[in-house]
């Protein structure tokens, strides 16, 4: 059964993104740090949703593909997705992204 977690995602440099998502009733903060193979225009999406099957999948490294424009859709391993819609503007022109990411639990060691 798919679960969802609210969060945010933003660029940290021309080829990297970082997102934080709050999982479970105690809102554990899982962070994904993504490095892309291409340059991505700067953006900050304050209302993103992570869809995942098991919390245990939010560990280690993952491959990343997706696109960003008026909407954001990123696909990760284990059938996970990060989605969201920009309230103003977004990224124009839209662009694709591919690369890798690493999950870790906020304020703790990498998992």
N, C-alpha and C. Protein backbone atom coordinates (compact mmCIF):
# COMPACT_ATOMS: atom_id res chain seq x y z
N UNK A 1 0.84 -1.18 0.00
CA UNK A 1 0.00 0.00 0.00
C UNK A 1 0.88 1.24 0.00
N UNK A 2 0.58 2.18 -0.86
CA UNK A 2 1.39 3.39 -0.97
C UNK A 2 1.05 4.37 0.14
N UNK A 3 2.11 4.91 0.74
CA UNK A 3 1.97 5.97 1.74
C UNK A 3 2.50 7.26 1.14
N UNK A 4 2.11 8.39 1.71
CA UNK A 4 2.63 9.68 1.25
C UNK A 4 3.18 10.46 2.42
N UNK A 5 4.13 11.33 2.11
CA UNK A 5 4.74 12.20 3.11
C UNK A 5 4.88 13.59 2.53
N UNK A 6 4.47 14.62 3.27
CA UNK A 6 4.63 15.99 2.80
C UNK A 6 6.07 16.45 2.98
N UNK A 7 6.45 17.43 2.16
CA UNK A 7 7.80 17.97 2.30
C UNK A 7 8.05 19.09 1.33
N UNK A 8 9.33 19.34 1.09
CA UNK A 8 9.75 20.39 0.16
C UNK A 8 11.00 19.92 -0.55
N UNK A 9 11.26 20.51 -1.72
CA UNK A 9 12.46 20.19 -2.48
C UNK A 9 12.93 21.45 -3.20
N UNK A 10 14.24 21.62 -3.29
CA UNK A 10 14.80 22.83 -3.91
C UNK A 10 16.18 22.52 -4.49
N UNK A 11 16.62 23.39 -5.39
CA UNK A 11 17.98 23.27 -5.91
C UNK A 11 18.95 23.81 -4.88
N UNK A 12 20.13 23.20 -4.82
CA UNK A 12 21.20 23.70 -3.96
C UNK A 12 22.39 24.17 -4.78
N UNK A 13 22.42 23.80 -6.06
CA UNK A 13 23.42 24.26 -7.02
C UNK A 13 22.87 23.92 -8.40
N UNK A 14 23.56 24.30 -9.48
CA UNK A 14 23.02 24.02 -10.82
C UNK A 14 22.81 22.53 -11.13
N UNK A 15 23.48 21.64 -10.41
CA UNK A 15 23.27 20.21 -10.69
C UNK A 15 22.97 19.40 -9.42
N UNK A 16 22.34 20.04 -8.43
CA UNK A 16 21.96 19.28 -7.25
C UNK A 16 20.67 19.82 -6.62
N UNK A 17 19.95 18.89 -6.01
CA UNK A 17 18.68 19.19 -5.35
C UNK A 17 18.72 18.59 -3.95
N UNK A 18 17.89 19.13 -3.07
CA UNK A 18 17.73 18.52 -1.76
C UNK A 18 16.27 18.63 -1.36
N UNK A 19 15.73 17.54 -0.86
CA UNK A 19 14.35 17.53 -0.39
C UNK A 19 14.26 16.95 1.00
N UNK A 20 13.30 17.43 1.78
CA UNK A 20 13.03 16.90 3.11
C UNK A 20 11.56 16.50 3.17
N UNK A 21 11.31 15.28 3.65
CA UNK A 21 9.95 14.75 3.72
C UNK A 21 9.70 14.19 5.11
N UNK A 22 8.48 14.41 5.61
CA UNK A 22 8.14 14.09 7.00
C UNK A 22 7.26 12.85 7.04
N UNK A 23 7.82 11.76 7.59
CA UNK A 23 7.23 10.43 7.53
C UNK A 23 6.68 10.02 8.90
N UNK A 24 5.49 9.44 8.89
CA UNK A 24 4.91 8.89 10.11
C UNK A 24 4.27 9.95 11.00
N UNK A 25 3.60 9.47 12.04
CA UNK A 25 2.92 10.38 12.95
C UNK A 25 3.89 11.25 13.72
N UNK A 26 5.10 10.74 13.96
CA UNK A 26 6.09 11.56 14.67
C UNK A 26 6.92 12.43 13.72
N UNK A 27 6.56 12.41 12.43
CA UNK A 27 7.16 13.29 11.42
C UNK A 27 8.69 13.20 11.38
N UNK A 28 9.20 11.97 11.23
CA UNK A 28 10.64 11.80 11.06
C UNK A 28 11.05 12.46 9.75
N UNK A 29 12.07 13.29 9.78
CA UNK A 29 12.52 14.01 8.60
C UNK A 29 13.53 13.23 7.80
N UNK A 30 13.12 12.73 6.63
CA UNK A 30 14.03 12.05 5.72
C UNK A 30 14.46 13.05 4.65
N UNK A 31 15.76 13.10 4.41
CA UNK A 31 16.34 14.03 3.43
C UNK A 31 16.88 13.22 2.26
N UNK A 32 16.61 13.70 1.05
CA UNK A 32 17.24 13.12 -0.13
C UNK A 32 18.11 14.20 -0.76
N UNK A 33 19.35 13.85 -0.99
CA UNK A 33 20.31 14.72 -1.67
C UNK A 33 20.54 14.15 -3.06
N UNK A 34 20.22 14.92 -4.10
CA UNK A 34 20.25 14.44 -5.48
C UNK A 34 21.31 15.19 -6.27
N UNK A 35 22.11 14.44 -7.02
CA UNK A 35 23.05 15.02 -7.98
C UNK A 35 22.58 14.64 -9.37
N UNK A 36 22.43 15.65 -10.24
CA UNK A 36 21.92 15.40 -11.59
C UNK A 36 23.06 15.42 -12.61
N UNK A 37 22.81 14.78 -13.75
CA UNK A 37 23.79 14.76 -14.84
C UNK A 37 23.70 16.00 -15.71
N UNK A 38 22.69 16.83 -15.47
CA UNK A 38 22.47 18.03 -16.27
C UNK A 38 22.28 19.23 -15.35
N UNK A 39 22.37 20.41 -15.93
CA UNK A 39 22.12 21.64 -15.19
C UNK A 39 20.61 21.86 -15.08
N UNK A 40 20.16 22.18 -13.87
CA UNK A 40 18.74 22.43 -13.60
C UNK A 40 18.58 23.88 -13.17
N UNK A 41 17.63 24.61 -13.77
CA UNK A 41 17.39 25.98 -13.31
C UNK A 41 16.98 26.00 -11.83
N UNK A 42 17.30 27.06 -11.15
CA UNK A 42 17.01 27.19 -9.72
C UNK A 42 15.50 27.16 -9.46
N UNK A 43 15.09 26.41 -8.43
CA UNK A 43 13.69 26.40 -8.01
C UNK A 43 13.58 26.03 -6.54
N UNK A 44 12.44 26.34 -5.97
CA UNK A 44 12.12 26.00 -4.58
C UNK A 44 10.64 25.63 -4.54
N UNK A 45 10.36 24.37 -4.30
CA UNK A 45 8.99 23.88 -4.26
C UNK A 45 8.65 23.56 -2.80
N UNK A 46 7.88 24.44 -2.18
CA UNK A 46 7.60 24.33 -0.75
C UNK A 46 6.55 23.29 -0.41
N UNK A 47 5.85 22.77 -1.40
CA UNK A 47 4.78 21.80 -1.13
C UNK A 47 4.92 20.61 -2.08
N UNK A 48 5.79 19.67 -1.70
CA UNK A 48 6.02 18.47 -2.50
C UNK A 48 5.49 17.26 -1.73
N UNK A 49 5.21 16.19 -2.46
CA UNK A 49 4.70 14.96 -1.86
C UNK A 49 5.60 13.80 -2.29
N UNK A 50 6.04 13.02 -1.31
CA UNK A 50 6.76 11.78 -1.55
C UNK A 50 5.77 10.63 -1.43
N UNK A 51 5.70 9.79 -2.46
CA UNK A 51 4.90 8.56 -2.41
C UNK A 51 5.87 7.39 -2.31
N UNK A 52 5.63 6.49 -1.34
CA UNK A 52 6.54 5.37 -1.10
C UNK A 52 5.74 4.19 -0.57
N UNK A 53 6.33 2.99 -0.69
CA UNK A 53 5.66 1.79 -0.19
C UNK A 53 6.10 1.43 1.22
N UNK A 54 7.42 1.47 1.47
CA UNK A 54 7.95 1.08 2.78
C UNK A 54 8.94 2.12 3.27
N UNK A 55 8.86 2.46 4.53
CA UNK A 55 9.81 3.41 5.10
C UNK A 55 11.24 2.88 4.99
N UNK A 56 11.40 1.58 5.04
CA UNK A 56 12.74 0.99 4.94
C UNK A 56 13.38 1.24 3.58
N UNK A 57 12.60 1.66 2.57
CA UNK A 57 13.17 2.01 1.26
C UNK A 57 13.84 3.37 1.26
N UNK A 58 13.63 4.17 2.30
CA UNK A 58 14.19 5.52 2.37
C UNK A 58 15.60 5.47 2.97
N UNK A 59 16.42 4.61 2.39
CA UNK A 59 17.79 4.43 2.86
C UNK A 59 18.74 4.32 1.67
N UNK A 60 19.99 4.68 1.90
CA UNK A 60 21.04 4.46 0.91
C UNK A 60 20.88 5.26 -0.37
N UNK A 61 21.43 4.69 -1.43
CA UNK A 61 21.46 5.36 -2.73
C UNK A 61 20.28 4.94 -3.59
N UNK A 62 19.92 5.81 -4.54
CA UNK A 62 18.83 5.53 -5.46
C UNK A 62 19.09 6.23 -6.79
N UNK A 63 18.62 5.64 -7.88
CA UNK A 63 18.68 6.33 -9.17
C UNK A 63 17.49 7.28 -9.25
N UNK A 64 17.65 8.33 -10.06
CA UNK A 64 16.66 9.41 -10.13
C UNK A 64 16.44 9.78 -11.59
N UNK A 65 15.17 9.87 -12.01
CA UNK A 65 14.82 10.43 -13.32
C UNK A 65 13.58 11.29 -13.13
N UNK A 66 13.39 12.23 -14.03
CA UNK A 66 12.18 13.04 -13.91
C UNK A 66 12.20 14.26 -14.78
N UNK A 67 11.29 15.17 -14.48
CA UNK A 67 11.22 16.43 -15.21
C UNK A 67 10.67 17.51 -14.29
N UNK A 68 11.00 18.73 -14.65
CA UNK A 68 10.55 19.89 -13.90
C UNK A 68 10.13 20.96 -14.89
N UNK A 69 8.99 21.56 -14.65
CA UNK A 69 8.44 22.62 -15.49
C UNK A 69 7.42 23.36 -14.64
N UNK A 70 6.15 23.33 -15.06
CA UNK A 70 5.08 23.85 -14.22
C UNK A 70 4.79 22.92 -13.05
N UNK A 71 5.14 21.65 -13.26
CA UNK A 71 5.03 20.60 -12.24
C UNK A 71 6.40 19.96 -12.07
N UNK A 72 6.54 19.25 -10.98
CA UNK A 72 7.74 18.45 -10.72
C UNK A 72 7.32 17.00 -10.59
N UNK A 73 8.00 16.11 -11.29
CA UNK A 73 7.78 14.68 -11.10
C UNK A 73 9.13 14.00 -11.17
N UNK A 74 9.52 13.38 -10.07
CA UNK A 74 10.78 12.65 -9.98
C UNK A 74 10.45 11.21 -9.61
N UNK A 75 11.02 10.27 -10.36
CA UNK A 75 10.86 8.84 -10.08
C UNK A 75 12.15 8.31 -9.49
N UNK A 76 12.01 7.49 -8.44
CA UNK A 76 13.14 6.88 -7.76
C UNK A 76 12.95 5.37 -7.74
N UNK A 77 13.97 4.65 -7.30
CA UNK A 77 13.85 3.20 -7.18
C UNK A 77 12.76 2.84 -6.18
N UNK A 78 12.33 1.58 -6.17
CA UNK A 78 11.29 1.06 -5.28
C UNK A 78 9.93 1.74 -5.53
N UNK A 79 9.69 2.16 -6.78
CA UNK A 79 8.41 2.77 -7.16
C UNK A 79 8.07 4.03 -6.37
N UNK A 80 9.08 4.75 -5.91
CA UNK A 80 8.84 6.01 -5.20
C UNK A 80 8.76 7.16 -6.19
N UNK A 81 7.97 8.18 -5.84
CA UNK A 81 7.90 9.40 -6.64
C UNK A 81 7.88 10.61 -5.73
N UNK A 82 8.41 11.70 -6.26
CA UNK A 82 8.30 13.01 -5.62
C UNK A 82 7.57 13.89 -6.63
N UNK A 83 6.45 14.48 -6.21
CA UNK A 83 5.65 15.30 -7.12
C UNK A 83 5.25 16.61 -6.45
N UNK A 84 4.90 17.56 -7.29
CA UNK A 84 4.40 18.83 -6.78
C UNK A 84 4.09 19.76 -7.94
N UNK A 85 3.30 20.78 -7.66
CA UNK A 85 2.93 21.79 -8.64
C UNK A 85 3.38 23.15 -8.13
N UNK A 86 4.05 23.89 -8.98
CA UNK A 86 4.49 25.23 -8.61
C UNK A 86 3.30 26.18 -8.60
N UNK A 87 3.20 27.02 -7.59
CA UNK A 87 2.10 27.98 -7.51
C UNK A 87 2.35 29.19 -8.39
N UNK A 88 3.61 29.50 -8.65
CA UNK A 88 3.95 30.64 -9.50
C UNK A 88 5.14 30.27 -10.37
N UNK A 89 4.94 30.30 -11.67
CA UNK A 89 6.05 30.16 -12.59
C UNK A 89 6.56 28.75 -12.81
N UNK A 90 7.29 28.23 -11.87
CA UNK A 90 7.95 26.96 -12.08
C UNK A 90 9.22 27.16 -12.87
N UNK A 91 9.58 26.16 -13.65
CA UNK A 91 10.81 26.21 -14.45
C UNK A 91 10.41 26.32 -15.91
N UNK A 92 10.91 27.36 -16.59
CA UNK A 92 10.58 27.60 -17.98
C UNK A 92 11.86 27.95 -18.73
N UNK A 93 12.24 27.20 -19.75
CA UNK A 93 11.52 26.06 -20.29
C UNK A 93 11.67 24.82 -19.40
N UNK A 94 10.70 23.91 -19.50
CA UNK A 94 10.77 22.67 -18.73
C UNK A 94 12.03 21.88 -19.11
N UNK A 95 12.51 21.07 -18.18
CA UNK A 95 13.69 20.27 -18.47
C UNK A 95 13.60 18.92 -17.78
N UNK A 96 14.30 17.96 -18.35
CA UNK A 96 14.39 16.64 -17.77
C UNK A 96 15.58 16.58 -16.82
N UNK A 97 15.57 15.58 -15.96
CA UNK A 97 16.71 15.38 -15.08
C UNK A 97 16.94 13.89 -14.88
N UNK A 98 18.19 13.55 -14.65
CA UNK A 98 18.59 12.18 -14.36
C UNK A 98 19.83 12.25 -13.49
N UNK A 99 19.99 11.27 -12.63
CA UNK A 99 21.16 11.25 -11.77
C UNK A 99 20.99 10.24 -10.66
N UNK A 100 21.54 10.58 -9.50
CA UNK A 100 21.46 9.67 -8.36
C UNK A 100 21.19 10.47 -7.09
N UNK A 101 20.67 9.77 -6.11
CA UNK A 101 20.36 10.41 -4.84
C UNK A 101 20.79 9.55 -3.68
N UNK A 102 20.84 10.17 -2.51
CA UNK A 102 21.15 9.46 -1.28
C UNK A 102 20.20 9.93 -0.18
N UNK A 103 19.57 8.96 0.48
CA UNK A 103 18.66 9.24 1.59
C UNK A 103 19.40 9.26 2.90
N UNK A 104 19.00 10.13 3.80
CA UNK A 104 19.45 10.05 5.19
C UNK A 104 18.39 10.64 6.11
N UNK A 105 18.43 10.21 7.35
CA UNK A 105 17.50 10.69 8.36
C UNK A 105 18.05 11.98 8.92
N UNK A 106 17.26 13.04 8.91
CA UNK A 106 17.70 14.36 9.35
C UNK A 106 18.31 14.29 10.75
N UNK A 107 19.43 14.99 10.93
CA UNK A 107 20.13 15.12 12.21
C UNK A 107 20.67 13.79 12.72
N UNK A 108 20.81 12.82 11.81
CA UNK A 108 21.39 11.54 12.19
C UNK A 108 22.35 11.10 11.09
N UNK A 109 22.98 9.98 11.31
CA UNK A 109 23.90 9.42 10.32
C UNK A 109 23.13 8.98 9.09
N UNK A 110 23.82 8.84 7.96
CA UNK A 110 23.18 8.33 6.76
C UNK A 110 22.66 6.93 7.03
N UNK A 111 21.52 6.61 6.41
CA UNK A 111 20.91 5.29 6.61
C UNK A 111 20.95 4.50 5.32
